[in-house]
Amino acid sequence: MLYINPLNINTKILIRNFEFKDAYQMWMVEEAKNNIAELKHIYENFLIQNQSEEGIFEKGQGYEAFLWRNTAGTLDFRNIIDFWRTIIVNQGYYNYVSDIKTAHLDGGVKLFTERHYLKPKLNAAILKNPETTFGNISLEMVANHLEQYINMRIVVTKYPNKAYFSFEALLTLLFSQSDTKLK
């Protein structure tokens, strides 16, 4: 088992350059539809079987999460989190922060975690009725030093004693909006 020393973690603001934006546009045309369909398939298989090697559901105090593993090596998690970020922003959220963490593990291995942390735009209606949001949303992807995508996770955190739309409703929205945008 690899050990991550907390002193060997470096965090920076995530900036997308023109090279990334060009690659993103190519992904949208060539791979996006298949990548999203594969994520949906993994999630639906998990719901049916309540277990999966490729998908893991987590629920804890104040949060829910789903993690996709890139076991086949075909998913482009970096582009997927950017694509889903735009869908969530269009639902009344704003991008609070995007960052990248570099962790140096034993044996010289590096892991990179890119994250978009989104919060609902606060207005009078939301302050009065928070159940019109999903809570705070984090989209995260992990890659190794060879830029091989290892996993992607969506996490929703919620404040206690407040009602929100369900985690399942968020994933349903992301998949349906993805299908609409990628037709």
N, C-alpha and C. Protein backbone atom coordinates (compact mmCIF):
# COMPACT_ATOMS: atom_id res chain seq x y z
N MET A 1 0.85 -1.18 0.00
CA MET A 1 0.00 0.00 0.00
C MET A 1 0.89 1.24 0.00
N LEU A 2 0.53 2.20 -0.84
CA LEU A 2 1.30 3.43 -0.92
C LEU A 2 0.86 4.41 0.16
N TYR A 3 1.81 5.08 0.73
CA TYR A 3 1.54 6.02 1.80
C TYR A 3 1.67 7.45 1.27
N ILE A 4 0.68 8.29 1.55
CA ILE A 4 0.74 9.70 1.17
C ILE A 4 1.14 10.51 2.39
N ASN A 5 2.26 11.14 2.31
CA ASN A 5 2.73 12.01 3.38
C ASN A 5 2.06 13.37 3.19
N PRO A 6 1.28 13.87 4.17
CA PRO A 6 0.59 15.15 4.00
C PRO A 6 1.55 16.30 3.69
N LEU A 7 2.81 16.17 4.04
CA LEU A 7 3.77 17.22 3.75
C LEU A 7 4.17 17.21 2.28
N ASN A 8 3.83 16.15 1.56
CA ASN A 8 4.18 16.04 0.15
C ASN A 8 2.99 16.31 -0.77
N ILE A 9 2.07 17.16 -0.32
CA ILE A 9 0.91 17.54 -1.13
C ILE A 9 1.02 19.03 -1.46
N ASN A 10 0.88 19.33 -2.73
CA ASN A 10 0.99 20.70 -3.21
C ASN A 10 -0.33 21.06 -3.91
N THR A 11 -0.95 22.18 -3.54
CA THR A 11 -2.22 22.60 -4.14
C THR A 11 -2.04 23.91 -4.87
N LYS A 12 -2.60 23.97 -6.09
CA LYS A 12 -2.55 25.18 -6.92
C LYS A 12 -3.91 25.42 -7.56
N ILE A 13 -4.13 26.66 -7.99
CA ILE A 13 -5.34 26.97 -8.75
C ILE A 13 -5.26 26.25 -10.09
N LEU A 14 -6.37 25.67 -10.52
CA LEU A 14 -6.42 24.94 -11.78
C LEU A 14 -6.70 25.92 -12.91
N ILE A 15 -5.81 25.96 -13.88
CA ILE A 15 -5.96 26.84 -15.04
C ILE A 15 -5.96 25.97 -16.29
N ARG A 16 -6.94 26.17 -17.15
CA ARG A 16 -7.03 25.44 -18.41
C ARG A 16 -6.41 26.30 -19.51
N ASN A 17 -5.43 25.76 -20.23
CA ASN A 17 -4.78 26.50 -21.30
C ASN A 17 -5.46 26.24 -22.65
N PHE A 18 -4.96 26.90 -23.70
CA PHE A 18 -5.56 26.75 -25.03
C PHE A 18 -5.43 25.32 -25.56
N GLU A 19 -4.33 24.68 -25.23
CA GLU A 19 -4.13 23.29 -25.65
C GLU A 19 -5.23 22.40 -25.07
N PHE A 20 -5.53 22.60 -23.78
CA PHE A 20 -6.61 21.83 -23.15
C PHE A 20 -7.94 22.15 -23.83
N LYS A 21 -8.20 23.42 -24.08
CA LYS A 21 -9.49 23.81 -24.67
C LYS A 21 -9.67 23.21 -26.06
N ASP A 22 -8.59 23.15 -26.84
CA ASP A 22 -8.67 22.50 -28.16
C ASP A 22 -8.96 21.01 -28.02
N ALA A 23 -8.27 20.37 -27.09
CA ALA A 23 -8.49 18.93 -26.85
C ALA A 23 -9.91 18.69 -26.34
N TYR A 24 -10.41 19.60 -25.52
CA TYR A 24 -11.78 19.48 -25.00
C TYR A 24 -12.79 19.52 -26.15
N GLN A 25 -12.59 20.45 -27.08
CA GLN A 25 -13.50 20.56 -28.23
C GLN A 25 -13.47 19.27 -29.07
N MET A 26 -12.29 18.70 -29.26
CA MET A 26 -12.18 17.44 -30.00
C MET A 26 -12.90 16.32 -29.24
N TRP A 27 -12.73 16.29 -27.92
CA TRP A 27 -13.41 15.29 -27.09
C TRP A 27 -14.92 15.42 -27.23
N MET A 28 -15.42 16.65 -27.22
CA MET A 28 -16.87 16.88 -27.34
C MET A 28 -17.40 16.27 -28.63
N VAL A 29 -16.65 16.39 -29.70
CA VAL A 29 -17.09 15.89 -31.00
C VAL A 29 -16.93 14.38 -31.11
N GLU A 30 -15.79 13.86 -30.61
CA GLU A 30 -15.43 12.48 -30.90
C GLU A 30 -15.75 11.48 -29.79
N GLU A 31 -15.66 11.87 -28.51
CA GLU A 31 -15.72 10.88 -27.44
C GLU A 31 -16.76 11.15 -26.35
N ALA A 32 -17.24 12.37 -26.25
CA ALA A 32 -18.08 12.75 -25.11
C ALA A 32 -19.31 11.85 -24.96
N LYS A 33 -20.01 11.65 -26.04
CA LYS A 33 -21.24 10.86 -25.98
C LYS A 33 -20.98 9.45 -25.45
N ASN A 34 -19.92 8.80 -25.93
CA ASN A 34 -19.58 7.44 -25.48
C ASN A 34 -19.10 7.44 -24.03
N ASN A 35 -18.32 8.45 -23.64
CA ASN A 35 -17.84 8.53 -22.25
C ASN A 35 -19.00 8.67 -21.28
N ILE A 36 -19.93 9.56 -21.59
CA ILE A 36 -21.09 9.78 -20.70
C ILE A 36 -21.96 8.53 -20.67
N ALA A 37 -22.15 7.88 -21.81
CA ALA A 37 -22.94 6.64 -21.85
C ALA A 37 -22.29 5.57 -20.98
N GLU A 38 -20.96 5.49 -21.00
CA GLU A 38 -20.26 4.50 -20.17
C GLU A 38 -20.42 4.81 -18.68
N LEU A 39 -20.33 6.09 -18.31
CA LEU A 39 -20.56 6.48 -16.90
C LEU A 39 -21.97 6.09 -16.47
N LYS A 40 -22.92 6.39 -17.32
CA LYS A 40 -24.32 6.06 -17.01
C LYS A 40 -24.51 4.56 -16.87
N HIS A 41 -23.90 3.80 -17.75
CA HIS A 41 -23.99 2.33 -17.69
C HIS A 41 -23.42 1.81 -16.37
N ILE A 42 -22.27 2.33 -15.97
CA ILE A 42 -21.65 1.91 -14.71
C ILE A 42 -22.56 2.25 -13.54
N TYR A 43 -23.12 3.47 -13.53
CA TYR A 43 -24.00 3.89 -12.45
C TYR A 43 -25.27 3.03 -12.40
N GLU A 44 -25.88 2.80 -13.56
CA GLU A 44 -27.10 1.99 -13.59
C GLU A 44 -26.83 0.55 -13.16
N ASN A 45 -25.69 -0.01 -13.58
CA ASN A 45 -25.33 -1.36 -13.12
C ASN A 45 -25.16 -1.40 -11.61
N PHE A 46 -24.57 -0.35 -11.06
CA PHE A 46 -24.43 -0.29 -9.61
C PHE A 46 -25.80 -0.28 -8.94
N LEU A 47 -26.73 0.51 -9.47
CA LEU A 47 -28.07 0.59 -8.88
C LEU A 47 -28.78 -0.77 -8.93
N ILE A 48 -28.60 -1.49 -10.02
CA ILE A 48 -29.26 -2.79 -10.18
C ILE A 48 -28.64 -3.84 -9.26
N GLN A 49 -27.30 -3.89 -9.22
CA GLN A 49 -26.60 -4.94 -8.48
C GLN A 49 -26.20 -4.51 -7.07
N ASN A 50 -26.25 -3.23 -6.78
CA ASN A 50 -25.84 -2.65 -5.50
C ASN A 50 -24.36 -2.92 -5.19
N GLN A 51 -23.61 -3.21 -6.23
CA GLN A 51 -22.16 -3.36 -6.11
C GLN A 51 -21.56 -3.33 -7.51
N SER A 52 -20.29 -2.95 -7.60
CA SER A 52 -19.63 -2.90 -8.89
C SER A 52 -18.14 -2.69 -8.67
N GLU A 53 -17.33 -3.25 -9.55
CA GLU A 53 -15.90 -2.98 -9.50
C GLU A 53 -15.60 -1.59 -10.05
N GLU A 54 -16.47 -1.10 -10.91
CA GLU A 54 -16.23 0.17 -11.59
C GLU A 54 -16.89 1.37 -10.92
N GLY A 55 -17.79 1.13 -9.97
CA GLY A 55 -18.50 2.22 -9.32
C GLY A 55 -18.72 1.96 -7.85
N ILE A 56 -18.55 2.99 -7.04
CA ILE A 56 -18.72 2.87 -5.60
C ILE A 56 -19.55 4.04 -5.10
N PHE A 57 -20.59 3.74 -4.33
CA PHE A 57 -21.41 4.77 -3.70
C PHE A 57 -20.97 4.92 -2.25
N GLU A 58 -20.84 6.17 -1.81
CA GLU A 58 -20.48 6.45 -0.42
C GLU A 58 -21.54 7.38 0.17
N LYS A 59 -21.87 7.13 1.42
CA LYS A 59 -22.77 8.03 2.13
C LYS A 59 -22.27 8.16 3.55
N GLY A 60 -22.10 9.38 3.99
CA GLY A 60 -21.64 9.63 5.34
C GLY A 60 -22.41 10.79 5.94
N GLN A 61 -21.97 11.24 7.08
CA GLN A 61 -22.65 12.32 7.75
C GLN A 61 -22.47 13.61 6.94
N GLY A 62 -23.53 14.05 6.31
CA GLY A 62 -23.52 15.31 5.57
C GLY A 62 -23.02 15.23 4.14
N TYR A 63 -22.76 14.03 3.62
CA TYR A 63 -22.32 13.94 2.24
C TYR A 63 -22.78 12.63 1.59
N GLU A 64 -22.83 12.68 0.25
CA GLU A 64 -23.05 11.50 -0.58
C GLU A 64 -22.10 11.61 -1.75
N ALA A 65 -21.62 10.48 -2.24
CA ALA A 65 -20.66 10.51 -3.34
C ALA A 65 -20.78 9.25 -4.18
N PHE A 66 -20.39 9.40 -5.43
CA PHE A 66 -20.26 8.24 -6.31
C PHE A 66 -18.91 8.34 -6.99
N LEU A 67 -18.18 7.22 -7.01
CA LEU A 67 -16.86 7.16 -7.60
C LEU A 67 -16.88 6.18 -8.77
N TRP A 68 -16.38 6.66 -9.92
CA TRP A 68 -16.21 5.80 -11.08
C TRP A 68 -14.74 5.44 -11.21
N ARG A 69 -14.46 4.16 -11.44
CA ARG A 69 -13.09 3.72 -11.70
C ARG A 69 -12.92 3.54 -13.21
N ASN A 70 -11.78 3.90 -13.70
CA ASN A 70 -11.49 3.79 -15.13
C ASN A 70 -10.82 2.46 -15.42
N THR A 71 -11.52 1.37 -15.15
CA THR A 71 -10.92 0.05 -15.27
C THR A 71 -10.56 -0.29 -16.72
N ALA A 72 -11.35 0.16 -17.67
CA ALA A 72 -11.08 -0.12 -19.08
C ALA A 72 -10.09 0.88 -19.69
N GLY A 73 -9.85 1.99 -18.99
CA GLY A 73 -8.92 3.00 -19.50
C GLY A 73 -9.47 3.84 -20.62
N THR A 74 -10.79 3.85 -20.81
CA THR A 74 -11.38 4.56 -21.95
C THR A 74 -12.04 5.89 -21.58
N LEU A 75 -12.16 6.18 -20.29
CA LEU A 75 -12.87 7.38 -19.86
C LEU A 75 -11.91 8.57 -19.69
N ASP A 76 -12.32 9.71 -20.21
CA ASP A 76 -11.53 10.94 -20.12
C ASP A 76 -12.12 11.81 -19.01
N PHE A 77 -11.76 11.49 -17.78
CA PHE A 77 -12.35 12.15 -16.62
C PHE A 77 -12.09 13.66 -16.60
N ARG A 78 -10.94 14.10 -17.07
CA ARG A 78 -10.63 15.53 -17.06
C ARG A 78 -11.67 16.32 -17.86
N ASN A 79 -12.02 15.82 -19.03
CA ASN A 79 -13.02 16.51 -19.84
C ASN A 79 -14.42 16.35 -19.27
N ILE A 80 -14.70 15.19 -18.70
CA ILE A 80 -16.03 14.95 -18.15
C ILE A 80 -16.32 15.92 -17.00
N ILE A 81 -15.36 16.15 -16.10
CA ILE A 81 -15.65 17.06 -14.98
C ILE A 81 -15.85 18.49 -15.48
N ASP A 82 -15.15 18.88 -16.53
CA ASP A 82 -15.37 20.22 -17.09
C ASP A 82 -16.75 20.31 -17.76
N PHE A 83 -17.12 19.26 -18.47
CA PHE A 83 -18.43 19.23 -19.13
C PHE A 83 -19.55 19.29 -18.11
N TRP A 84 -19.47 18.47 -17.06
CA TRP A 84 -20.51 18.48 -16.04
C TRP A 84 -20.51 19.78 -15.25
N ARG A 85 -19.36 20.41 -15.10
CA ARG A 85 -19.32 21.70 -14.41
C ARG A 85 -20.22 22.70 -15.15
N THR A 86 -20.17 22.74 -16.48
CA THR A 86 -21.00 23.68 -17.23
C THR A 86 -22.49 23.39 -17.03
N ILE A 87 -22.84 22.11 -16.97
CA ILE A 87 -24.25 21.75 -16.74
C ILE A 87 -24.70 22.24 -15.36
N ILE A 88 -23.87 22.02 -14.35
CA ILE A 88 -24.23 22.43 -12.99
C ILE A 88 -24.30 23.95 -12.87
N VAL A 89 -23.39 24.64 -13.50
CA VAL A 89 -23.42 26.12 -13.49
C VAL A 89 -24.73 26.61 -14.12
N ASN A 90 -25.19 25.94 -15.15
CA ASN A 90 -26.45 26.33 -15.80
C ASN A 90 -27.67 26.03 -14.93
N GLN A 91 -27.47 25.32 -13.82
CA GLN A 91 -28.56 25.03 -12.88
C GLN A 91 -28.58 26.02 -11.71
N GLY A 92 -27.88 27.14 -11.83
CA GLY A 92 -27.90 28.15 -10.77
C GLY A 92 -26.76 28.03 -9.78
N TYR A 93 -25.67 27.42 -10.18
CA TYR A 93 -24.48 27.28 -9.34
C TYR A 93 -23.38 28.19 -9.85
N TYR A 94 -22.37 28.40 -9.03
CA TYR A 94 -21.16 29.10 -9.49
C TYR A 94 -19.95 28.28 -9.08
N ASN A 95 -18.88 28.46 -9.85
CA ASN A 95 -17.63 27.73 -9.60
C ASN A 95 -16.88 28.45 -8.48
N TYR A 96 -16.97 27.92 -7.28
CA TYR A 96 -16.32 28.53 -6.12
C TYR A 96 -14.81 28.46 -6.23
N VAL A 97 -14.30 27.29 -6.60
CA VAL A 97 -12.85 27.13 -6.79
C VAL A 97 -12.59 25.92 -7.68
N SER A 98 -11.55 26.02 -8.48
CA SER A 98 -11.02 24.88 -9.22
C SER A 98 -9.55 24.79 -8.86
N ASP A 99 -9.13 23.60 -8.41
CA ASP A 99 -7.73 23.47 -8.01
C ASP A 99 -7.18 22.12 -8.42
N ILE A 100 -5.87 22.01 -8.31
CA ILE A 100 -5.17 20.76 -8.60
C ILE A 100 -4.23 20.48 -7.45
N LYS A 101 -4.30 19.27 -6.95
CA LYS A 101 -3.41 18.83 -5.87
C LYS A 101 -2.45 17.79 -6.45
N THR A 102 -1.21 17.96 -6.13
CA THR A 102 -0.19 16.99 -6.52
C THR A 102 0.30 16.31 -5.26
N ALA A 103 0.17 15.00 -5.22
CA ALA A 103 0.64 14.22 -4.07
C ALA A 103 1.81 13.36 -4.52
N HIS A 104 2.89 13.42 -3.76
CA HIS A 104 4.06 12.59 -4.02
C HIS A 104 3.99 11.39 -3.09
N LEU A 105 3.88 10.22 -3.68
CA LEU A 105 3.73 8.98 -2.91
C LEU A 105 5.08 8.30 -2.74
N ASP A 106 5.08 7.29 -1.89
CA ASP A 106 6.27 6.45 -1.76
C ASP A 106 6.65 5.89 -3.13
N GLY A 107 7.91 5.76 -3.39
CA GLY A 107 8.36 5.20 -4.65
C GLY A 107 8.41 6.20 -5.78
N GLY A 108 8.19 7.48 -5.50
CA GLY A 108 8.29 8.52 -6.52
C GLY A 108 7.07 8.68 -7.40
N VAL A 109 5.99 7.97 -7.11
CA VAL A 109 4.76 8.08 -7.90
C VAL A 109 4.06 9.39 -7.56
N LYS A 110 3.53 10.06 -8.58
CA LYS A 110 2.76 11.27 -8.36
C LYS A 110 1.30 11.00 -8.71
N LEU A 111 0.40 11.53 -7.90
CA LEU A 111 -1.03 11.52 -8.22
C LEU A 111 -1.49 12.97 -8.31
N PHE A 112 -2.32 13.24 -9.32
CA PHE A 112 -2.88 14.57 -9.50
C PHE A 112 -4.39 14.49 -9.30
N THR A 113 -4.92 15.36 -8.45
CA THR A 113 -6.36 15.45 -8.25
C THR A 113 -6.83 16.81 -8.71
N GLU A 114 -7.65 16.83 -9.76
CA GLU A 114 -8.25 18.07 -10.23
C GLU A 114 -9.67 18.12 -9.69
N ARG A 115 -10.06 19.33 -9.23
CA ARG A 115 -11.36 19.44 -8.58
C ARG A 115 -12.03 20.76 -8.97
N HIS A 116 -13.33 20.68 -9.21
CA HIS A 116 -14.19 21.86 -9.34
C HIS A 116 -15.16 21.81 -8.16
N TYR A 117 -15.16 22.86 -7.36
CA TYR A 117 -16.06 22.94 -6.21
C TYR A 117 -17.11 23.99 -6.52
N LEU A 118 -18.37 23.57 -6.57
CA LEU A 118 -19.48 24.43 -6.99
C LEU A 118 -20.46 24.64 -5.85
N LYS A 119 -20.95 25.87 -5.77
CA LYS A 119 -21.94 26.22 -4.74
C LYS A 119 -23.15 26.85 -5.40
N PRO A 120 -24.33 26.68 -4.79
CA PRO A 120 -25.51 27.34 -5.36
C PRO A 120 -25.41 28.85 -5.20
N LYS A 121 -25.86 29.56 -6.24
CA LYS A 121 -25.92 31.01 -6.13
C LYS A 121 -27.01 31.34 -5.12
N LEU A 122 -26.64 32.11 -4.13
CA LEU A 122 -27.61 32.45 -3.09
C LEU A 122 -28.48 33.62 -3.53
N ASN A 123 -29.75 33.43 -3.40
CA ASN A 123 -30.70 34.51 -3.62
C ASN A 123 -31.80 34.34 -2.58
N ALA A 124 -32.72 35.24 -2.56
CA ALA A 124 -33.75 35.21 -1.52
C ALA A 124 -34.55 33.90 -1.55
N ALA A 125 -34.85 33.40 -2.74
CA ALA A 125 -35.63 32.17 -2.86
C ALA A 125 -34.88 30.97 -2.28
N ILE A 126 -33.58 30.88 -2.55
CA ILE A 126 -32.79 29.76 -2.04
C ILE A 126 -32.59 29.87 -0.54
N LEU A 127 -32.35 31.07 -0.04
CA LEU A 127 -32.18 31.24 1.41
C LEU A 127 -33.44 30.83 2.15
N LYS A 128 -34.59 31.12 1.56
CA LYS A 128 -35.86 30.77 2.18
C LYS A 128 -36.20 29.29 1.98
N ASN A 129 -35.74 28.73 0.86
CA ASN A 129 -36.14 27.38 0.49
C ASN A 129 -34.93 26.61 -0.08
N PRO A 130 -33.97 26.15 0.78
CA PRO A 130 -32.75 25.51 0.27
C PRO A 130 -32.98 24.19 -0.44
N GLU A 131 -34.18 23.60 -0.29
CA GLU A 131 -34.40 22.33 -0.96
C GLU A 131 -34.50 22.48 -2.47
N THR A 132 -34.34 23.69 -2.99
CA THR A 132 -34.31 23.90 -4.43
C THR A 132 -32.90 23.72 -4.99
N THR A 133 -31.96 23.23 -4.17
CA THR A 133 -30.60 22.95 -4.62
C THR A 133 -30.23 21.52 -4.26
N PHE A 134 -29.05 21.12 -4.70
CA PHE A 134 -28.53 19.79 -4.38
C PHE A 134 -27.55 19.85 -3.21
N GLY A 135 -27.18 21.03 -2.77
CA GLY A 135 -26.12 21.22 -1.80
C GLY A 135 -24.86 21.64 -2.53
N ASN A 136 -23.73 21.65 -1.85
CA ASN A 136 -22.46 21.98 -2.50
C ASN A 136 -21.97 20.75 -3.25
N ILE A 137 -21.39 20.98 -4.44
CA ILE A 137 -21.01 19.87 -5.31
C ILE A 137 -19.53 19.96 -5.64
N SER A 138 -18.86 18.83 -5.53
CA SER A 138 -17.45 18.73 -5.90
C SER A 138 -17.30 17.67 -6.99
N LEU A 139 -16.66 18.06 -8.09
CA LEU A 139 -16.33 17.13 -9.17
C LEU A 139 -14.82 16.93 -9.12
N GLU A 140 -14.38 15.70 -8.96
CA GLU A 140 -12.95 15.43 -8.78
C GLU A 140 -12.51 14.31 -9.71
N MET A 141 -11.29 14.44 -10.22
CA MET A 141 -10.71 13.34 -10.98
C MET A 141 -9.27 13.16 -10.55
N VAL A 142 -8.82 11.91 -10.55
CA VAL A 142 -7.46 11.57 -10.15
C VAL A 142 -6.75 10.93 -11.34
N ALA A 143 -5.53 11.41 -11.59
CA ALA A 143 -4.69 10.85 -12.65
C ALA A 143 -3.30 10.59 -12.07
N ASN A 144 -2.56 9.68 -12.72
CA ASN A 144 -1.20 9.44 -12.26
C ASN A 144 -0.21 10.29 -13.06
N HIS A 145 1.07 10.11 -12.78
CA HIS A 145 2.11 10.91 -13.42
C HIS A 145 2.21 10.66 -14.92
N LEU A 146 1.60 9.59 -15.41
CA LEU A 146 1.57 9.31 -16.85
C LEU A 146 0.31 9.87 -17.51
N GLU A 147 -0.46 10.64 -16.74
CA GLU A 147 -1.74 11.21 -17.16
C GLU A 147 -2.75 10.14 -17.53
N GLN A 148 -2.70 9.02 -16.84
CA GLN A 148 -3.72 7.99 -16.98
C GLN A 148 -4.79 8.29 -15.93
N TYR A 149 -6.03 8.38 -16.38
CA TYR A 149 -7.12 8.70 -15.47
C TYR A 149 -7.49 7.48 -14.65
N ILE A 150 -7.45 7.64 -13.33
CA ILE A 150 -7.68 6.51 -12.42
C ILE A 150 -9.13 6.47 -11.97
N ASN A 151 -9.64 7.59 -11.46
CA ASN A 151 -11.03 7.62 -11.02
C ASN A 151 -11.60 9.03 -11.06
N MET A 152 -12.91 9.10 -10.97
CA MET A 152 -13.65 10.35 -10.92
C MET A 152 -14.70 10.21 -9.84
N ARG A 153 -14.92 11.29 -9.11
CA ARG A 153 -15.88 11.25 -8.02
C ARG A 153 -16.72 12.52 -8.03
N ILE A 154 -18.01 12.34 -7.80
CA ILE A 154 -18.89 13.49 -7.58
C ILE A 154 -19.34 13.39 -6.13
N VAL A 155 -19.19 14.51 -5.40
CA VAL A 155 -19.52 14.55 -3.98
C VAL A 155 -20.50 15.70 -3.76
N VAL A 156 -21.55 15.42 -3.00
CA VAL A 156 -22.51 16.46 -2.61
C VAL A 156 -22.46 16.56 -1.10
N THR A 157 -22.22 17.78 -0.61
CA THR A 157 -22.25 18.01 0.85
C THR A 157 -23.46 18.86 1.17
N LYS A 158 -24.07 18.52 2.30
CA LYS A 158 -25.32 19.18 2.69
C LYS A 158 -25.23 19.61 4.14
N TYR A 159 -25.88 20.72 4.44
CA TYR A 159 -25.94 21.19 5.81
C TYR A 159 -27.02 20.41 6.55
N PRO A 160 -26.81 20.15 7.84
CA PRO A 160 -27.80 19.38 8.60
C PRO A 160 -29.11 20.16 8.76
N ASN A 161 -30.17 19.43 8.93
CA ASN A 161 -31.50 20.00 9.17
C ASN A 161 -32.02 20.84 8.01
N LYS A 162 -31.54 20.58 6.82
CA LYS A 162 -32.03 21.26 5.61
C LYS A 162 -32.44 20.18 4.61
N ALA A 163 -33.44 20.50 3.83
CA ALA A 163 -33.88 19.56 2.79
C ALA A 163 -33.28 19.99 1.46
N TYR A 164 -32.86 19.02 0.67
CA TYR A 164 -32.27 19.27 -0.64
C TYR A 164 -32.84 18.28 -1.64
N PHE A 165 -32.63 18.58 -2.95
CA PHE A 165 -32.92 17.57 -3.95
C PHE A 165 -32.00 16.38 -3.68
N SER A 166 -32.42 15.20 -4.08
CA SER A 166 -31.63 13.99 -3.79
C SER A 166 -30.38 13.90 -4.66
N PHE A 167 -29.44 13.12 -4.19
CA PHE A 167 -28.22 12.84 -4.94
C PHE A 167 -28.57 12.15 -6.26
N GLU A 168 -29.51 11.22 -6.20
CA GLU A 168 -29.95 10.52 -7.41
C GLU A 168 -30.54 11.49 -8.43
N ALA A 169 -31.25 12.52 -7.94
CA ALA A 169 -31.82 13.52 -8.85
C ALA A 169 -30.71 14.30 -9.56
N LEU A 170 -29.62 14.56 -8.86
CA LEU A 170 -28.49 15.26 -9.48
C LEU A 170 -27.90 14.40 -10.60
N LEU A 171 -27.66 13.13 -10.34
CA LEU A 171 -27.09 12.27 -11.38
C LEU A 171 -28.06 12.10 -12.55
N THR A 172 -29.34 11.99 -12.26
CA THR A 172 -30.33 11.92 -13.34
C THR A 172 -30.28 13.18 -14.19
N LEU A 173 -30.19 14.33 -13.54
CA LEU A 173 -30.09 15.60 -14.26
C LEU A 173 -28.84 15.64 -15.13
N LEU A 174 -27.70 15.25 -14.56
CA LEU A 174 -26.44 15.29 -15.32
C LEU A 174 -26.50 14.37 -16.54
N PHE A 175 -27.04 13.19 -16.38
CA PHE A 175 -27.12 12.27 -17.52
C PHE A 175 -28.12 12.77 -18.57
N SER A 176 -29.28 13.27 -18.13
CA SER A 176 -30.27 13.74 -19.11
C SER A 176 -29.80 15.01 -19.82
N GLN A 177 -29.19 15.94 -19.09
CA GLN A 177 -28.65 17.15 -19.72
C GLN A 177 -27.49 16.81 -20.66
N SER A 178 -26.69 15.83 -20.28
CA SER A 178 -25.59 15.40 -21.16
C SER A 178 -26.15 14.84 -22.46
N ASP A 179 -27.17 13.99 -22.35
CA ASP A 179 -27.79 13.44 -23.55
C ASP A 179 -28.33 14.54 -24.46
N THR A 180 -28.97 15.54 -23.85
CA THR A 180 -29.54 16.65 -24.62
C THR A 180 -28.45 17.45 -25.32
N LYS A 181 -27.40 17.78 -24.62
CA LYS A 181 -26.32 18.61 -25.18
C LYS A 181 -25.49 17.87 -26.22
N LEU A 182 -25.44 16.55 -26.15
CA LEU A 182 -24.57 15.78 -27.05
C LEU A 182 -25.30 15.15 -28.22
N LYS A 183 -26.55 15.51 -28.46
CA LYS A 183 -27.29 14.96 -29.60
C LYS A 183 -26.77 15.51 -30.90
